[in-house]
């Protein structure tokens, strides 16, 4: 009887973990944005990042916008990937401990970061989410601007993990 009465969902439930930027989005007031799914409208659910101030105090309590999740995530991913495509500017922000690492080779690091962008579209969702959570420190949303801060410690950890696969250069005398 259960099999006969079982209804398949037209739309799979979206899990909170499906939000790429969960925990990274904040308003200019310093308060977090929360992932939010609308109720079903026009046979579709809409995903947003909503400022906590609007959740706690009502829609009129803040001038910060609620952001469509797909649009915000796209902008942040495009920024991250553009940084990976031309990573030379990232090198000057690496900690000295990474620059002194025995396997550190500037050309290799630039190639590794550029390759990370080139394989991005082939990564599974969970791998992309993990990278975003590691490489992005904070996304700050204002009434008329967006600020994206990269996590240099996270980028350094990713670079260090990638460098561990490169053999040590030995000097021949």
Protein backbone atom coordinates (compact mmCIF):
# COMPACT_ATOMS: atom_id res chain seq x y z
CA UNK A 1 0.00 0.00 0.00
CA UNK A 2 2.82 2.39 0.80
CA UNK A 3 4.38 1.87 -2.61
CA UNK A 4 1.05 2.54 -4.33
CA UNK A 5 0.42 5.75 -2.40
CA UNK A 6 3.97 7.05 -2.58
CA UNK A 7 4.14 10.42 -4.28
CA UNK A 8 7.36 11.53 -5.86
CA UNK A 9 8.37 15.10 -5.25
CA UNK A 10 8.36 17.38 -8.22
CA UNK A 11 11.18 19.34 -6.64
CA UNK A 12 13.78 17.81 -4.36
CA UNK A 13 14.12 19.51 -1.03
CA UNK A 14 17.08 21.84 -0.94
CA UNK A 15 19.32 21.15 2.01
CA UNK A 16 20.92 24.03 3.91
CA UNK A 17 24.28 22.63 2.85
CA UNK A 18 23.36 23.40 -0.76
CA UNK A 19 24.17 27.07 -0.16
CA UNK A 20 27.77 27.58 -1.30
CA UNK A 21 28.33 30.70 0.78
CA UNK A 22 26.65 29.60 4.02
CA UNK A 23 28.43 31.27 6.92
CA UNK A 24 30.45 33.62 4.72
CA UNK A 25 27.92 36.36 3.88
CA UNK A 26 27.54 39.39 6.17
CA UNK A 27 25.94 42.79 5.90
CA UNK A 28 27.74 46.09 6.33
CA UNK A 29 26.11 46.19 9.78
CA UNK A 30 28.27 43.17 10.74
CA UNK A 31 25.34 40.79 11.10
CA UNK A 32 25.23 37.53 9.20
CA UNK A 33 23.07 36.70 6.22
CA UNK A 34 21.14 33.45 6.46
CA UNK A 35 20.25 31.02 3.68
CA UNK A 36 16.52 31.19 3.02
CA UNK A 37 14.16 29.20 0.81
CA UNK A 38 10.84 30.68 -0.21
CA UNK A 39 7.68 28.66 -0.07
CA UNK A 40 6.61 27.06 -3.29
CA UNK A 41 5.49 29.67 -5.85
CA UNK A 42 4.75 29.01 -9.48
CA UNK A 43 5.98 25.44 -8.94
CA UNK A 44 9.38 26.77 -7.95
CA UNK A 45 11.32 27.49 -4.78
CA UNK A 46 13.51 30.57 -4.68
CA UNK A 47 16.75 30.63 -2.68
CA UNK A 48 18.05 33.79 -1.04
CA UNK A 49 20.59 35.07 1.42
CA UNK A 50 18.64 37.25 3.85
CA UNK A 51 20.10 39.67 6.42
CA UNK A 52 19.54 38.64 10.04
CA UNK A 53 18.27 42.13 10.77
CA UNK A 54 15.36 41.56 8.38
CA UNK A 55 14.61 38.17 9.89
CA UNK A 56 14.65 39.51 13.45
CA UNK A 57 13.02 42.89 12.90
CA UNK A 58 10.94 42.54 9.75
CA UNK A 59 11.50 43.55 6.16
CA UNK A 60 11.49 47.30 6.87
CA UNK A 61 14.08 47.08 9.65
CA UNK A 62 17.11 47.19 7.35
CA UNK A 63 18.17 48.80 4.09
CA UNK A 64 20.34 45.79 3.27
CA UNK A 65 19.06 43.79 0.31
CA UNK A 66 18.12 40.16 0.31
CA UNK A 67 20.23 38.52 -2.36
CA UNK A 68 19.13 35.79 -4.75
CA UNK A 69 21.44 32.89 -3.88
CA UNK A 70 22.26 31.95 -7.46
CA UNK A 71 23.21 35.49 -8.46
CA UNK A 72 25.33 36.15 -5.36
CA UNK A 73 27.10 32.80 -5.65
CA UNK A 74 27.79 33.41 -9.35
CA UNK A 75 29.38 36.81 -8.67
CA UNK A 76 31.56 35.43 -5.86
CA UNK A 77 32.64 32.38 -7.90
CA UNK A 78 33.48 34.59 -10.91
CA UNK A 79 35.64 36.80 -8.68
CA UNK A 80 37.39 33.80 -7.13
CA UNK A 81 38.05 32.21 -10.50
CA UNK A 82 39.39 35.48 -11.94
CA UNK A 83 41.86 35.59 -9.04
CA UNK A 84 42.89 32.00 -9.79
CA UNK A 85 43.33 32.74 -13.52
CA UNK A 86 45.87 35.46 -12.77
CA UNK A 87 47.26 34.53 -9.34
CA UNK A 88 50.43 36.66 -9.43
CA UNK A 89 48.83 39.27 -7.15
CA UNK A 90 48.13 36.54 -4.58
CA UNK A 91 51.83 35.68 -4.24
CA UNK A 92 52.69 38.92 -2.49
CA UNK A 93 50.19 38.07 0.27
CA UNK A 94 51.50 34.57 1.03
CA UNK A 95 52.99 34.11 4.48
CA UNK A 96 56.78 33.89 4.70
CA UNK A 97 56.57 30.33 6.03
CA UNK A 98 55.04 29.21 2.74
CA UNK A 99 57.58 31.12 0.67
CA UNK A 100 60.39 29.34 2.57
CA UNK A 101 58.80 25.90 2.12
CA UNK A 102 61.39 23.60 0.42
CA UNK A 103 59.06 22.69 -2.45
CA UNK A 104 57.91 26.26 -3.07
CA UNK A 105 58.53 27.29 -6.64
CA UNK A 106 56.80 30.46 -7.80
CA UNK A 107 56.22 29.21 -11.36
CA UNK A 108 54.81 25.91 -10.07
CA UNK A 109 52.47 27.70 -7.65
CA UNK A 110 51.20 30.00 -10.40
CA UNK A 111 50.59 26.99 -12.63
CA UNK A 112 48.83 25.06 -9.85
CA UNK A 113 46.47 27.94 -9.06
CA UNK A 114 45.73 28.54 -12.74
CA UNK A 115 45.05 24.82 -13.21
CA UNK A 116 42.66 24.92 -10.26
CA UNK A 117 40.53 27.38 -12.22
CA UNK A 118 40.69 25.26 -15.37
CA UNK A 119 39.34 22.16 -13.59
CA UNK A 120 36.70 24.05 -11.59
CA UNK A 121 33.80 23.01 -13.83
CA UNK A 122 34.79 19.34 -13.53
CA UNK A 123 34.67 19.35 -9.72
CA UNK A 124 31.75 17.80 -7.87
CA UNK A 125 29.52 20.19 -5.94
CA UNK A 126 30.94 19.17 -2.55
CA UNK A 127 34.51 19.79 -3.74
CA UNK A 128 33.54 23.23 -5.06
CA UNK A 129 31.78 24.05 -1.81
CA UNK A 130 34.82 22.96 0.19
CA UNK A 131 37.11 25.15 -1.91
CA UNK A 132 34.80 28.15 -1.62
CA UNK A 133 34.61 27.70 2.16
CA UNK A 134 38.43 27.49 2.30
CA UNK A 135 39.35 30.24 -0.17
CA UNK A 136 36.74 32.90 0.67
CA UNK A 137 37.02 34.62 4.04
CA UNK A 138 33.99 36.91 3.92
CA UNK A 139 31.44 38.39 1.56
CA UNK A 140 30.11 41.75 2.74
CA UNK A 141 26.87 43.02 1.24
CA UNK A 142 25.96 46.69 1.38
CA UNK A 143 22.97 48.58 0.08
CA UNK A 144 24.84 49.38 -3.13
CA UNK A 145 28.10 47.40 -3.07
CA UNK A 146 29.60 43.98 -2.55
CA UNK A 147 33.00 43.23 -1.06
CA UNK A 148 34.71 39.83 -1.35
CA UNK A 149 37.66 38.99 0.90
CA UNK A 150 39.87 36.04 0.09
CA UNK A 151 41.22 33.90 2.92
CA UNK A 152 45.00 33.97 2.40
CA UNK A 153 45.53 31.33 5.10
CA UNK A 154 43.09 29.06 3.28
CA UNK A 155 44.75 29.71 -0.07
CA UNK A 156 48.12 28.99 1.53
CA UNK A 157 46.82 25.67 2.90
CA UNK A 158 45.53 24.67 -0.54
CA UNK A 159 48.85 25.64 -2.16
CA UNK A 160 50.78 23.72 0.49
CA UNK A 161 48.63 20.63 -0.09
CA UNK A 162 49.25 20.88 -3.83
CA UNK A 163 53.00 21.42 -3.37
CA UNK A 164 53.31 18.23 -1.35
CA UNK A 165 52.80 16.34 -4.61
CA UNK A 166 55.74 18.06 -6.32
CA UNK A 167 59.14 16.39 -5.89
CA UNK A 168 61.92 18.29 -4.15
CA UNK A 169 64.48 19.91 -6.43
CA UNK A 170 67.93 18.76 -5.55
CA UNK A 171 70.99 20.75 -6.38
CA UNK A 172 73.74 18.95 -8.24
CA UNK A 173 77.28 20.10 -7.49
